[in-house]
Amino acid sequence: MSHFEICGRGLWTGAGRGDALGLVIRQAMGLVLSSLGIGRLLALGVARLLRTLLFGVRPDNPLMLITAAALLVLVGLLTCYIPARRAMKVDPMVALRYE
């Protein structure tokens, strides 16, 4: 289901614009955070292989891991916020007919 459909159905049923936007962001951020958890586990598993490729930085450096995770969360938030915000400007009936 696209952002247009979610927002259109939410607005058509009487939900506020903030409610529909919050729903889209919560769904996307759930995927982002679960992907970060899986990625962290995989990164711990491959840390020994990375030691030979990195110079001057340890693969399990907490500052680097937190910075990378924060950057990924920020990018994930923007990639779901911008299309959802654009979808909020569409008339609900147009969004429902879009299917």
Protein backbone atom coordinates (compact mmCIF):
# COMPACT_ATOMS: atom_id res chain seq x y z
CA MET A 1 0.00 0.00 0.00
CA SER A 2 1.46 3.36 -1.01
CA HIS A 3 1.70 6.49 1.10
CA PHE A 4 -1.04 8.06 -1.03
CA GLU A 5 -3.43 5.22 -0.25
CA ILE A 6 -2.63 5.19 3.48
CA CYS A 7 -3.01 8.93 3.82
CA GLY A 8 -6.09 9.03 1.61
CA ARG A 9 -7.88 6.32 3.58
CA GLY A 10 -6.86 7.84 6.89
CA LEU A 11 -8.03 11.31 5.95
CA TRP A 12 -11.21 10.01 4.35
CA THR A 13 -12.17 8.18 7.55
CA GLY A 14 -11.67 11.31 9.61
CA ALA A 15 -8.15 10.98 10.96
CA GLY A 16 -6.17 14.16 11.23
CA ARG A 17 -3.22 14.88 8.99
CA GLY A 18 -0.84 14.39 11.90
CA ASP A 19 -2.35 10.97 12.66
CA ALA A 20 -1.89 9.72 9.10
CA LEU A 21 1.63 11.14 8.92
CA GLY A 22 2.48 9.53 12.26
CA LEU A 23 1.21 6.17 11.04
CA VAL A 24 3.42 6.24 7.94
CA ILE A 25 6.47 7.35 9.94
CA ARG A 26 5.92 4.71 12.65
CA GLN A 27 5.68 1.94 10.06
CA ALA A 28 8.80 3.05 8.23
CA MET A 29 10.83 3.65 11.39
CA GLY A 30 9.91 0.17 12.63
CA LEU A 31 11.52 -1.24 9.50
CA VAL A 32 14.55 1.03 9.87
CA LEU A 33 15.14 0.10 13.51
CA SER A 34 14.69 -3.62 12.94
CA SER A 35 17.12 -3.41 10.02
CA LEU A 36 19.62 -1.62 12.24
CA GLY A 37 19.37 -4.40 14.81
CA ILE A 38 19.93 -7.10 12.20
CA GLY A 39 22.78 -5.09 10.67
CA ARG A 40 24.43 -4.68 14.07
CA LEU A 41 24.34 -8.43 14.67
CA LEU A 42 25.80 -9.09 11.23
CA ALA A 43 28.48 -6.42 11.79
CA LEU A 44 29.55 -8.13 14.99
CA GLY A 45 29.80 -11.38 13.08
CA VAL A 46 32.02 -9.95 10.34
CA ALA A 47 34.15 -7.74 12.60
CA ARG A 48 37.14 -10.06 12.37
CA LEU A 49 37.15 -9.88 8.58
CA LEU A 50 36.93 -6.09 8.68
CA ARG A 51 40.00 -5.74 10.91
CA THR A 52 42.25 -6.56 7.98
CA LEU A 53 40.58 -3.95 5.73
CA LEU A 54 40.41 -0.98 8.12
CA PHE A 55 43.40 1.15 9.04
CA GLY A 56 43.32 3.28 12.17
CA VAL A 57 39.72 2.41 13.08
CA ARG A 58 38.50 -0.64 14.93
CA PRO A 59 35.34 -2.24 13.50
CA ASP A 60 33.75 -2.34 16.96
CA ASN A 61 34.45 1.34 17.76
CA PRO A 62 31.33 2.52 19.65
CA LEU A 63 31.54 6.11 18.36
CA MET A 64 31.61 4.97 14.74
CA LEU A 65 28.76 2.51 15.27
CA ILE A 66 26.56 5.10 16.98
CA THR A 67 27.33 7.70 14.33
CA ALA A 68 26.53 5.30 11.50
CA ALA A 69 23.30 4.19 13.19
CA ALA A 70 22.22 7.80 13.81
CA LEU A 71 22.91 8.68 10.19
CA LEU A 72 20.90 5.70 8.94
CA VAL A 73 17.97 6.61 11.22
CA LEU A 74 18.06 10.20 9.97
CA VAL A 75 18.12 9.11 6.33
CA GLY A 76 15.30 6.62 6.99
CA LEU A 77 13.23 9.30 8.68
CA LEU A 78 13.69 11.71 5.80
CA THR A 79 12.94 9.08 3.16
CA CYS A 80 9.58 8.33 4.75
CA TYR A 81 8.72 11.87 5.90
CA ILE A 82 9.15 13.65 2.57
CA PRO A 83 6.84 11.38 0.47
CA ALA A 84 4.32 11.13 3.32
CA ARG A 85 4.24 14.91 3.67
CA ARG A 86 3.68 15.21 -0.08
CA ALA A 87 0.90 12.61 0.10
CA MET A 88 -0.82 14.59 2.85
CA LYS A 89 -1.41 17.46 0.43
CA VAL A 90 -3.47 15.28 -1.93
CA ASP A 91 -7.25 15.34 -1.71
CA PRO A 92 -8.46 12.10 -0.01
CA MET A 93 -10.86 11.25 -2.85
CA VAL A 94 -8.09 11.62 -5.43
CA ALA A 95 -5.88 9.32 -3.37
CA LEU A 96 -8.62 6.70 -3.11
CA ARG A 97 -9.24 6.81 -6.87
CA TYR A 98 -5.49 6.52 -7.51
CA GLU A 99 -5.68 2.73 -7.04
